[in-house]
């Protein structure tokens, strides 16, 4: 990244933290446009939980990352600036924040801050395209879903928290995002990467060259289903401006503001 890119992203992260402070809440579901997935019609690739009471720093993001050198997933607490900098495209970027009603937010915050519970649903094997209803692998967004289940579900006492969490999500009608690859050859080529796998997906999906995967969009849809009073704020930037857009409809592509959006010009 150029110095100008980094400066803009640092200013962008400060705007995100200011919006979090203005919310009067202590937790939000957060997602960023990190990996470029526009060919799948997907803006957001990576989700986590931003926590005002984080022991790392206020509003750090608790999330799952794949530790490449160790070839295993881990839970990380990352400051907001570092979270925002994790993007493939520094000239335009998007952050989504979902704020929950107090009871749901408090339960999720307590669970997310509890290291034992956060690790209870961490799988030992990672796959970026993990099937949400399999125990074989897990991706970053599926970890968020299973933490939600721990927080909101009356789960039975069990040695397999992931199985119980997935059972509750299925019973509640959680629907993962559909990633239409379009070609079984492309799927086979992708499986040559150590963080992509197909052996956990249903044969019916593989025959149609598609994956069903937990993504920020499916997480937000589930949260909105479970908590209709939840509210969403989208914050974006391009090389000219930063925009705050409130509501469940998406901000315009390219971070172009609508008539009701708040705009901050970049010098």
C-alpha atoms as a PDB file:
ATOM      1  CA  UNK A   1       0.000   0.000   0.000  1.00  0.00           C
ATOM      2  CA  UNK A   2       1.090   3.554  -0.627  1.00  0.00           C
ATOM      3  CA  UNK A   3       1.424   6.021   2.282  1.00  0.00           C
ATOM      4  CA  UNK A   4      -1.730   7.743   1.005  1.00  0.00           C
ATOM      5  CA  UNK A   5      -3.632   4.445   1.065  1.00  0.00           C
ATOM      6  CA  UNK A   6      -2.545   3.731   4.635  1.00  0.00           C
ATOM      7  CA  UNK A   7      -3.410   7.249   5.772  1.00  0.00           C
ATOM      8  CA  UNK A   8      -6.902   6.945   4.299  1.00  0.00           C
ATOM      9  CA  UNK A   9      -7.466   3.542   5.926  1.00  0.00           C
ATOM     10  CA  UNK A  10      -6.297   4.798   9.319  1.00  0.00           C
ATOM     11  CA  UNK A  11      -8.766   7.687   9.036  1.00  0.00           C
ATOM     12  CA  UNK A  12     -11.436   5.243   7.948  1.00  0.00           C
ATOM     13  CA  UNK A  13     -10.822   3.023  10.989  1.00  0.00           C
ATOM     14  CA  UNK A  14     -11.122   6.097  13.231  1.00  0.00           C
ATOM     15  CA  UNK A  15     -14.519   6.873  11.686  1.00  0.00           C
ATOM     16  CA  UNK A  16     -15.669   3.288  12.322  1.00  0.00           C
ATOM     17  CA  UNK A  17     -14.619   3.517  15.981  1.00  0.00           C
ATOM     18  CA  UNK A  18     -16.366   6.873  16.338  1.00  0.00           C
ATOM     19  CA  UNK A  19     -19.588   5.323  15.008  1.00  0.00           C
ATOM     20  CA  UNK A  20     -19.225   2.463  17.473  1.00  0.00           C
ATOM     21  CA  UNK A  21     -18.814   4.926  20.334  1.00  0.00           C
ATOM     22  CA  UNK A  22     -21.856   6.919  19.186  1.00  0.00           C
ATOM     23  CA  UNK A  23     -23.969   3.762  19.241  1.00  0.00           C
ATOM     24  CA  UNK A  24     -23.993   3.645  23.044  1.00  0.00           C
ATOM     25  CA  UNK A  25     -23.487  -0.125  22.855  1.00  0.00           C
ATOM     26  CA  UNK A  26     -20.554  -2.330  23.755  1.00  0.00           C
ATOM     27  CA  UNK A  27     -20.703  -4.936  20.984  1.00  0.00           C
ATOM     28  CA  UNK A  28     -21.426  -5.092  17.278  1.00  0.00           C
ATOM     29  CA  UNK A  29     -21.282  -7.730  14.611  1.00  0.00           C
ATOM     30  CA  UNK A  30     -18.712  -6.426  12.120  1.00  0.00           C
ATOM     31  CA  UNK A  31     -17.816  -7.427   8.563  1.00  0.00           C
ATOM     32  CA  UNK A  32     -15.312  -6.078   6.051  1.00  0.00           C
ATOM     33  CA  UNK A  33     -14.722  -6.258   2.324  1.00  0.00           C
ATOM     34  CA  UNK A  34     -11.404  -8.095   2.523  1.00  0.00           C
ATOM     35  CA  UNK A  35     -10.981 -10.768  -0.145  1.00  0.00           C
ATOM     36  CA  UNK A  36     -12.360  -9.688  -3.522  1.00  0.00           C
ATOM     37  CA  UNK A  37     -15.401 -11.909  -4.135  1.00  0.00           C
ATOM     38  CA  UNK A  38     -17.229  -9.697  -6.624  1.00  0.00           C
ATOM     39  CA  UNK A  39     -17.400 -12.556  -9.146  1.00  0.00           C
ATOM     40  CA  UNK A  40     -19.786 -14.227  -6.686  1.00  0.00           C
ATOM     41  CA  UNK A  41     -21.805 -11.044  -6.191  1.00  0.00           C
ATOM     42  CA  UNK A  42     -20.420 -10.817  -2.651  1.00  0.00           C
ATOM     43  CA  UNK A  43     -19.235  -7.577  -1.042  1.00  0.00           C
ATOM     44  CA  UNK A  44     -18.241  -8.826   2.420  1.00  0.00           C
ATOM     45  CA  UNK A  45     -15.892 -11.748   2.988  1.00  0.00           C
ATOM     46  CA  UNK A  46     -14.946 -11.728   6.674  1.00  0.00           C
ATOM     47  CA  UNK A  47     -16.912 -11.240   9.902  1.00  0.00           C
ATOM     48  CA  UNK A  48     -16.091 -10.963  13.585  1.00  0.00           C
ATOM     49  CA  UNK A  49     -17.299  -9.375  16.813  1.00  0.00           C
ATOM     50  CA  UNK A  50     -16.076  -5.929  17.829  1.00  0.00           C
ATOM     51  CA  UNK A  51     -15.998  -5.474  21.597  1.00  0.00           C
ATOM     52  CA  UNK A  52     -15.593  -2.277  23.578  1.00  0.00           C
ATOM     53  CA  UNK A  53     -14.432  -4.274  26.628  1.00  0.00           C
ATOM     54  CA  UNK A  54     -11.746  -6.194  24.742  1.00  0.00           C
ATOM     55  CA  UNK A  55      -8.591  -6.677  26.800  1.00  0.00           C
ATOM     56  CA  UNK A  56      -6.560  -5.975  23.654  1.00  0.00           C
ATOM     57  CA  UNK A  57      -7.877  -2.440  22.996  1.00  0.00           C
ATOM     58  CA  UNK A  58     -11.349  -0.889  22.927  1.00  0.00           C
ATOM     59  CA  UNK A  59     -13.334  -2.082  19.912  1.00  0.00           C
ATOM     60  CA  UNK A  60     -10.844  -4.779  18.962  1.00  0.00           C
ATOM     61  CA  UNK A  61     -12.324  -7.457  16.720  1.00  0.00           C
ATOM     62  CA  UNK A  62     -12.455 -11.025  18.031  1.00  0.00           C
ATOM     63  CA  UNK A  63     -12.315 -13.336  15.044  1.00  0.00           C
ATOM     64  CA  UNK A  64     -10.955 -16.535  13.578  1.00  0.00           C
ATOM     65  CA  UNK A  65      -7.898 -16.328  11.333  1.00  0.00           C
ATOM     66  CA  UNK A  66      -5.950 -19.116   9.659  1.00  0.00           C
ATOM     67  CA  UNK A  67      -2.374 -19.145  10.953  1.00  0.00           C
ATOM     68  CA  UNK A  68      -0.626 -20.056   7.719  1.00  0.00           C
ATOM     69  CA  UNK A  69       2.766 -20.964   9.219  1.00  0.00           C
ATOM     70  CA  UNK A  70       1.123 -23.268  11.754  1.00  0.00           C
ATOM     71  CA  UNK A  71      -1.488 -24.533   9.269  1.00  0.00           C
ATOM     72  CA  UNK A  72      -4.236 -24.197  11.856  1.00  0.00           C
ATOM     73  CA  UNK A  73      -6.977 -21.715  12.831  1.00  0.00           C
ATOM     74  CA  UNK A  74      -6.698 -19.495  15.888  1.00  0.00           C
ATOM     75  CA  UNK A  75      -8.808 -16.851  17.598  1.00  0.00           C
ATOM     76  CA  UNK A  76      -7.295 -13.361  17.409  1.00  0.00           C
ATOM     77  CA  UNK A  77      -8.158 -10.033  18.989  1.00  0.00           C
ATOM     78  CA  UNK A  78      -7.166  -7.360  16.466  1.00  0.00           C
ATOM     79  CA  UNK A  79      -7.328  -3.587  16.738  1.00  0.00           C
ATOM     80  CA  UNK A  80      -9.689  -1.806  14.376  1.00  0.00           C
ATOM     81  CA  UNK A  81      -6.908  -0.299  12.234  1.00  0.00           C
ATOM     82  CA  UNK A  82      -5.386  -3.726  11.620  1.00  0.00           C
ATOM     83  CA  UNK A  83      -8.814  -5.155  10.817  1.00  0.00           C
ATOM     84  CA  UNK A  84      -9.500  -2.433   8.243  1.00  0.00           C
ATOM     85  CA  UNK A  85      -6.047  -2.833   6.681  1.00  0.00           C
ATOM     86  CA  UNK A  86      -6.784  -6.477   5.860  1.00  0.00           C
ATOM     87  CA  UNK A  87      -8.135  -5.738   2.396  1.00  0.00           C
ATOM     88  CA  UNK A  88      -7.241  -6.669  -1.171  1.00  0.00           C
ATOM     89  CA  UNK A  89      -8.352  -3.251  -2.455  1.00  0.00           C
ATOM     90  CA  UNK A  90      -7.178  -0.210  -0.474  1.00  0.00           C
ATOM     91  CA  UNK A  91      -8.767   2.402  -2.773  1.00  0.00           C
ATOM     92  CA  UNK A  92     -12.366   1.449  -1.933  1.00  0.00           C
ATOM     93  CA  UNK A  93     -13.625  -0.453   1.087  1.00  0.00           C
ATOM     94  CA  UNK A  94     -16.698  -1.278   3.138  1.00  0.00           C
ATOM     95  CA  UNK A  95     -17.461  -2.042   6.772  1.00  0.00           C
ATOM     96  CA  UNK A  96     -20.820  -3.330   8.006  1.00  0.00           C
ATOM     97  CA  UNK A  97     -21.922  -2.958  11.632  1.00  0.00           C
ATOM     98  CA  UNK A  98     -24.989  -4.662  13.104  1.00  0.00           C
ATOM     99  CA  UNK A  99     -26.187  -3.473  16.518  1.00  0.00           C
ATOM    100  CA  UNK A 100     -28.392  -5.804  18.548  1.00  0.00           C
ATOM    101  CA  UNK A 101     -31.147  -5.218  21.116  1.00  0.00           C
ATOM    102  CA  UNK A 102     -29.708  -5.103  24.627  1.00  0.00           C
ATOM    103  CA  UNK A 103     -30.617  -8.596  25.825  1.00  0.00           C
ATOM    104  CA  UNK A 104     -29.219 -10.317  22.733  1.00  0.00           C
ATOM    105  CA  UNK A 105     -26.143  -8.089  22.721  1.00  0.00           C
ATOM    106  CA  UNK A 106     -25.362  -8.742  26.398  1.00  0.00           C
ATOM    107  CA  UNK A 107     -25.611 -12.503  25.984  1.00  0.00           C
ATOM    108  CA  UNK A 108     -23.374 -12.442  22.905  1.00  0.00           C
ATOM    109  CA  UNK A 109     -20.842 -10.129  24.546  1.00  0.00           C
ATOM    110  CA  UNK A 110     -20.511 -12.368  27.601  1.00  0.00           C
ATOM    111  CA  UNK A 111     -19.999 -15.433  25.436  1.00  0.00           C
ATOM    112  CA  UNK A 112     -17.561 -13.788  23.043  1.00  0.00           C
ATOM    113  CA  UNK A 113     -15.387 -12.409  25.871  1.00  0.00           C
ATOM    114  CA  UNK A 114     -15.267 -15.785  27.623  1.00  0.00           C
ATOM    115  CA  UNK A 115     -12.100 -17.433  26.295  1.00  0.00           C
ATOM    116  CA  UNK A 116     -13.295 -20.901  27.253  1.00  0.00           C
ATOM    117  CA  UNK A 117     -16.507 -20.550  25.280  1.00  0.00           C
ATOM    118  CA  UNK A 118     -14.821 -18.819  22.338  1.00  0.00           C
ATOM    119  CA  UNK A 119     -12.407 -21.737  22.053  1.00  0.00           C
ATOM    120  CA  UNK A 120     -15.088 -24.355  22.719  1.00  0.00           C
ATOM    121  CA  UNK A 121     -16.401 -23.946  19.171  1.00  0.00           C
ATOM    122  CA  UNK A 122     -13.012 -23.501  17.471  1.00  0.00           C
ATOM    123  CA  UNK A 123     -12.339 -26.399  15.122  1.00  0.00           C
ATOM    124  CA  UNK A 124      -8.842 -27.784  14.655  1.00  0.00           C
ATOM    125  CA  UNK A 125      -9.090 -27.832  10.843  1.00  0.00           C
ATOM    126  CA  UNK A 126      -9.771 -24.803   8.652  1.00  0.00           C
ATOM    127  CA  UNK A 127     -11.354 -24.447   5.231  1.00  0.00           C
ATOM    128  CA  UNK A 128     -12.253 -21.071   3.730  1.00  0.00           C
ATOM    129  CA  UNK A 129     -15.259 -22.651   2.011  1.00  0.00           C
ATOM    130  CA  UNK A 130     -16.295 -24.899   4.918  1.00  0.00           C
ATOM    131  CA  UNK A 131     -19.773 -26.422   4.783  1.00  0.00           C
ATOM    132  CA  UNK A 132     -21.703 -24.992   7.772  1.00  0.00           C
ATOM    133  CA  UNK A 133     -23.341 -28.285   8.742  1.00  0.00           C
ATOM    134  CA  UNK A 134     -20.215 -30.407   8.903  1.00  0.00           C
ATOM    135  CA  UNK A 135     -17.756 -30.843  11.776  1.00  0.00           C
ATOM    136  CA  UNK A 136     -14.805 -31.576   9.489  1.00  0.00           C
ATOM    137  CA  UNK A 137     -13.736 -27.970   8.875  1.00  0.00           C
ATOM    138  CA  UNK A 138     -14.647 -24.432   9.876  1.00  0.00           C
ATOM    139  CA  UNK A 139     -14.190 -20.975   8.352  1.00  0.00           C
ATOM    140  CA  UNK A 140     -14.016 -17.600  10.089  1.00  0.00           C
ATOM    141  CA  UNK A 141     -17.681 -16.780   9.567  1.00  0.00           C
ATOM    142  CA  UNK A 142     -18.910 -20.186  10.751  1.00  0.00           C
ATOM    143  CA  UNK A 143     -17.068 -19.640  14.027  1.00  0.00           C
ATOM    144  CA  UNK A 144     -19.094 -16.431  14.492  1.00  0.00           C
ATOM    145  CA  UNK A 145     -22.310 -18.354  13.811  1.00  0.00           C
ATOM    146  CA  UNK A 146     -21.464 -21.002  16.381  1.00  0.00           C
ATOM    147  CA  UNK A 147     -20.603 -18.365  18.988  1.00  0.00           C
ATOM    148  CA  UNK A 148     -24.037 -16.841  18.291  1.00  0.00           C
ATOM    149  CA  UNK A 149     -25.601 -20.244  18.932  1.00  0.00           C
ATOM    150  CA  UNK A 150     -23.717 -20.627  22.217  1.00  0.00           C
ATOM    151  CA  UNK A 151     -24.955 -17.206  23.317  1.00  0.00           C
ATOM    152  CA  UNK A 152     -28.572 -17.428  22.228  1.00  0.00           C
ATOM    153  CA  UNK A 153     -29.526 -21.096  22.395  1.00  0.00           C
ATOM    154  CA  UNK A 154     -30.466 -23.248  25.386  1.00  0.00           C
ATOM    155  CA  UNK A 155     -27.894 -25.834  24.290  1.00  0.00           C
ATOM    156  CA  UNK A 156     -27.662 -29.143  26.179  1.00  0.00           C
ATOM    157  CA  UNK A 157     -24.529 -30.002  28.134  1.00  0.00           C
ATOM    158  CA  UNK A 158     -22.329 -31.909  25.704  1.00  0.00           C
ATOM    159  CA  UNK A 159     -18.729 -32.612  24.885  1.00  0.00           C
ATOM    160  CA  UNK A 160     -19.367 -31.507  21.313  1.00  0.00           C
ATOM    161  CA  UNK A 161     -20.395 -27.860  21.425  1.00  0.00           C
ATOM    162  CA  UNK A 162     -20.049 -27.475  17.642  1.00  0.00           C
ATOM    163  CA  UNK A 163     -22.541 -30.279  16.989  1.00  0.00           C
ATOM    164  CA  UNK A 164     -25.051 -28.755  19.416  1.00  0.00           C
ATOM    165  CA  UNK A 165     -24.571 -25.280  17.935  1.00  0.00           C
ATOM    166  CA  UNK A 166     -25.068 -26.512  14.384  1.00  0.00           C
ATOM    167  CA  UNK A 167     -28.170 -28.447  15.419  1.00  0.00           C
ATOM    168  CA  UNK A 168     -29.720 -25.280  16.846  1.00  0.00           C
ATOM    169  CA  UNK A 169     -28.797 -23.232  13.765  1.00  0.00           C
ATOM    170  CA  UNK A 170     -30.404 -25.819  11.500  1.00  0.00           C
ATOM    171  CA  UNK A 171     -33.524 -25.930  13.664  1.00  0.00           C
ATOM    172  CA  UNK A 172     -33.774 -22.133  13.497  1.00  0.00           C
ATOM    173  CA  UNK A 173     -33.573 -22.218   9.699  1.00  0.00           C
ATOM    174  CA  UNK A 174     -30.105 -20.750   9.208  1.00  0.00           C
ATOM    175  CA  UNK A 175     -29.434 -20.602   5.465  1.00  0.00           C
ATOM    176  CA  UNK A 176     -25.804 -20.244   4.344  1.00  0.00           C
ATOM    177  CA  UNK A 177     -24.741 -18.206   1.325  1.00  0.00           C
ATOM    178  CA  UNK A 178     -24.585 -19.970  -2.042  1.00  0.00           C
ATOM    179  CA  UNK A 179     -21.305 -19.585  -3.940  1.00  0.00           C
ATOM    180  CA  UNK A 180     -21.872 -20.572  -7.561  1.00  0.00           C
ATOM    181  CA  UNK A 181     -18.434 -21.611  -8.832  1.00  0.00           C
ATOM    182  CA  UNK A 182     -19.832 -22.452 -12.261  1.00  0.00           C
ATOM    183  CA  UNK A 183     -17.368 -25.212 -13.112  1.00  0.00           C
ATOM    184  CA  UNK A 184     -16.303 -28.446 -11.459  1.00  0.00           C
ATOM    185  CA  UNK A 185     -12.894 -27.957 -13.063  1.00  0.00           C
ATOM    186  CA  UNK A 186     -12.498 -24.655 -11.198  1.00  0.00           C
ATOM    187  CA  UNK A 187     -13.534 -26.409  -7.985  1.00  0.00           C
ATOM    188  CA  UNK A 188     -10.878 -29.068  -8.568  1.00  0.00           C
ATOM    189  CA  UNK A 189      -8.226 -26.417  -9.203  1.00  0.00           C
ATOM    190  CA  UNK A 190      -9.237 -24.582  -6.048  1.00  0.00           C
ATOM    191  CA  UNK A 191      -8.814 -27.736  -3.991  1.00  0.00           C
ATOM    192  CA  UNK A 192      -5.088 -27.613  -4.752  1.00  0.00           C
ATOM    193  CA  UNK A 193      -4.929 -24.741  -2.228  1.00  0.00           C
ATOM    194  CA  UNK A 194      -4.383 -25.885   1.369  1.00  0.00           C
ATOM    195  CA  UNK A 195      -7.259 -23.757   2.713  1.00  0.00           C
ATOM    196  CA  UNK A 196      -9.976 -24.884   0.255  1.00  0.00           C
ATOM    197  CA  UNK A 197     -11.748 -28.250   0.440  1.00  0.00           C
ATOM    198  CA  UNK A 198     -14.732 -30.021  -1.081  1.00  0.00           C
ATOM    199  CA  UNK A 199     -14.911 -33.246   0.914  1.00  0.00           C
ATOM    200  CA  UNK A 200     -17.299 -31.805   3.507  1.00  0.00           C
ATOM    201  CA  UNK A 201     -19.925 -30.602   1.000  1.00  0.00           C
ATOM    202  CA  UNK A 202     -23.028 -32.553  -0.095  1.00  0.00           C
ATOM    203  CA  UNK A 203     -22.682 -34.427  -3.396  1.00  0.00           C
ATOM    204  CA  UNK A 204     -25.748 -32.594  -4.730  1.00  0.00           C
ATOM    205  CA  UNK A 205     -24.003 -29.229  -4.315  1.00  0.00           C
ATOM    206  CA  UNK A 206     -20.759 -30.470  -5.840  1.00  0.00           C
ATOM    207  CA  UNK A 207     -22.586 -31.856  -8.871  1.00  0.00           C
ATOM    208  CA  UNK A 208     -23.990 -28.355  -9.459  1.00  0.00           C
ATOM    209  CA  UNK A 209     -20.567 -26.711  -8.956  1.00  0.00           C
ATOM    210  CA  UNK A 210     -21.673 -24.712  -5.964  1.00  0.00           C
ATOM    211  CA  UNK A 211     -20.730 -24.324  -2.313  1.00  0.00           C
ATOM    212  CA  UNK A 212     -22.951 -23.338   0.577  1.00  0.00           C
ATOM    213  CA  UNK A 213     -20.811 -21.333   2.977  1.00  0.00           C
ATOM    214  CA  UNK A 214     -21.262 -19.094   6.006  1.00  0.00           C
ATOM    215  CA  UNK A 215     -20.602 -15.539   4.839  1.00  0.00           C
ATOM    216  CA  UNK A 216     -21.282 -12.128   6.414  1.00  0.00           C
ATOM    217  CA  UNK A 217     -24.460 -11.757   4.331  1.00  0.00           C
ATOM    218  CA  UNK A 218     -25.950 -15.006   5.656  1.00  0.00           C
ATOM    219  CA  UNK A 219     -24.930 -14.133   9.224  1.00  0.00           C
ATOM    220  CA  UNK A 220     -26.651 -10.746   8.973  1.00  0.00           C
ATOM    221  CA  UNK A 221     -29.784 -12.295   7.449  1.00  0.00           C
ATOM    222  CA  UNK A 222     -29.986 -14.766  10.339  1.00  0.00           C
ATOM    223  CA  UNK A 223     -29.445 -12.044  12.951  1.00  0.00           C
ATOM    224  CA  UNK A 224     -32.168  -9.926  11.363  1.00  0.00           C
ATOM    225  CA  UNK A 225     -34.503 -12.949  11.398  1.00  0.00           C
ATOM    226  CA  UNK A 226     -33.813 -13.671  15.075  1.00  0.00           C
ATOM    227  CA  UNK A 227     -33.684 -10.040  16.206  1.00  0.00           C
ATOM    228  CA  UNK A 228     -35.928  -7.880  13.957  1.00  0.00           C
ATOM    229  CA  UNK A 229     -35.074  -4.789  16.008  1.00  0.00           C
ATOM    230  CA  UNK A 230     -31.375  -5.066  15.122  1.00  0.00           C
ATOM    231  CA  UNK A 231     -30.073  -2.115  13.140  1.00  0.00           C
ATOM    232  CA  UNK A 232     -27.351  -1.919  10.532  1.00  0.00           C
ATOM    233  CA  UNK A 233     -24.827   0.783   9.605  1.00  0.00           C
ATOM    234  CA  UNK A 234     -22.592   0.569   6.557  1.00  0.00           C
ATOM    235  CA  UNK A 235     -19.452   2.702   6.368  1.00  0.00           C
ATOM    236  CA  UNK A 236     -17.376   2.952   3.218  1.00  0.00           C
ATOM    237  CA  UNK A 237     -14.617   4.950   1.565  1.00  0.00           C
ATOM    238  CA  UNK A 238     -13.193   5.641  -1.845  1.00  0.00           C
ATOM    239  CA  UNK A 239     -10.375   7.987  -2.769  1.00  0.00           C
ATOM    240  CA  UNK A 240     -12.600  11.075  -2.476  1.00  0.00           C
ATOM    241  CA  UNK A 241     -14.864  10.537   0.523  1.00  0.00           C
ATOM    242  CA  UNK A 242     -16.086   8.414   3.406  1.00  0.00           C
ATOM    243  CA  UNK A 243     -19.799   7.666   3.702  1.00  0.00           C
ATOM    244  CA  UNK A 244     -22.051   6.500   6.545  1.00  0.00           C
ATOM    245  CA  UNK A 245     -25.186   4.733   5.341  1.00  0.00           C
ATOM    246  CA  UNK A 246     -27.873   3.585   7.786  1.00  0.00           C
ATOM    247  CA  UNK A 247     -30.332   0.785   7.097  1.00  0.00           C
ATOM    248  CA  UNK A 248     -30.469  -2.749   5.754  1.00  0.00           C
ATOM    249  CA  UNK A 249     -30.330  -1.765   2.092  1.00  0.00           C
ATOM    250  CA  UNK A 250     -26.740  -1.665   0.760  1.00  0.00           C
ATOM    251  CA  UNK A 251     -24.788   1.510   0.125  1.00  0.00           C
ATOM    252  CA  UNK A 252     -24.225   2.097  -3.594  1.00  0.00           C
ATOM    253  CA  UNK A 253     -21.317   0.378  -5.306  1.00  0.00           C
ATOM    254  CA  UNK A 254     -18.157   2.431  -5.366  1.00  0.00           C
ATOM    255  CA  UNK A 255     -19.154   4.138  -2.095  1.00  0.00           C
ATOM    256  CA  UNK A 256     -21.402   6.647  -3.838  1.00  0.00           C
ATOM    257  CA  UNK A 257     -23.672   8.355  -1.269  1.00  0.00           C
ATOM    258  CA  UNK A 258     -27.434   8.424  -1.321  1.00  0.00           C
ATOM    259  CA  UNK A 259     -29.540  11.453  -0.368  1.00  0.00           C
ATOM    260  CA  UNK A 260     -29.798  10.453   3.313  1.00  0.00           C
ATOM    261  CA  UNK A 261     -26.180   9.405   3.786  1.00  0.00           C
ATOM    262  CA  UNK A 262     -23.534  11.292   5.764  1.00  0.00           C
ATOM    263  CA  UNK A 263     -20.491  12.221   3.679  1.00  0.00           C
ATOM    264  CA  UNK A 264     -16.998  13.195   4.812  1.00  0.00           C
ATOM    265  CA  UNK A 265     -14.782  14.607   2.089  1.00  0.00           C
ATOM    266  CA  UNK A 266     -11.171  13.472   1.974  1.00  0.00           C
ATOM    267  CA  UNK A 267      -8.654  16.250   1.373  1.00  0.00           C
END
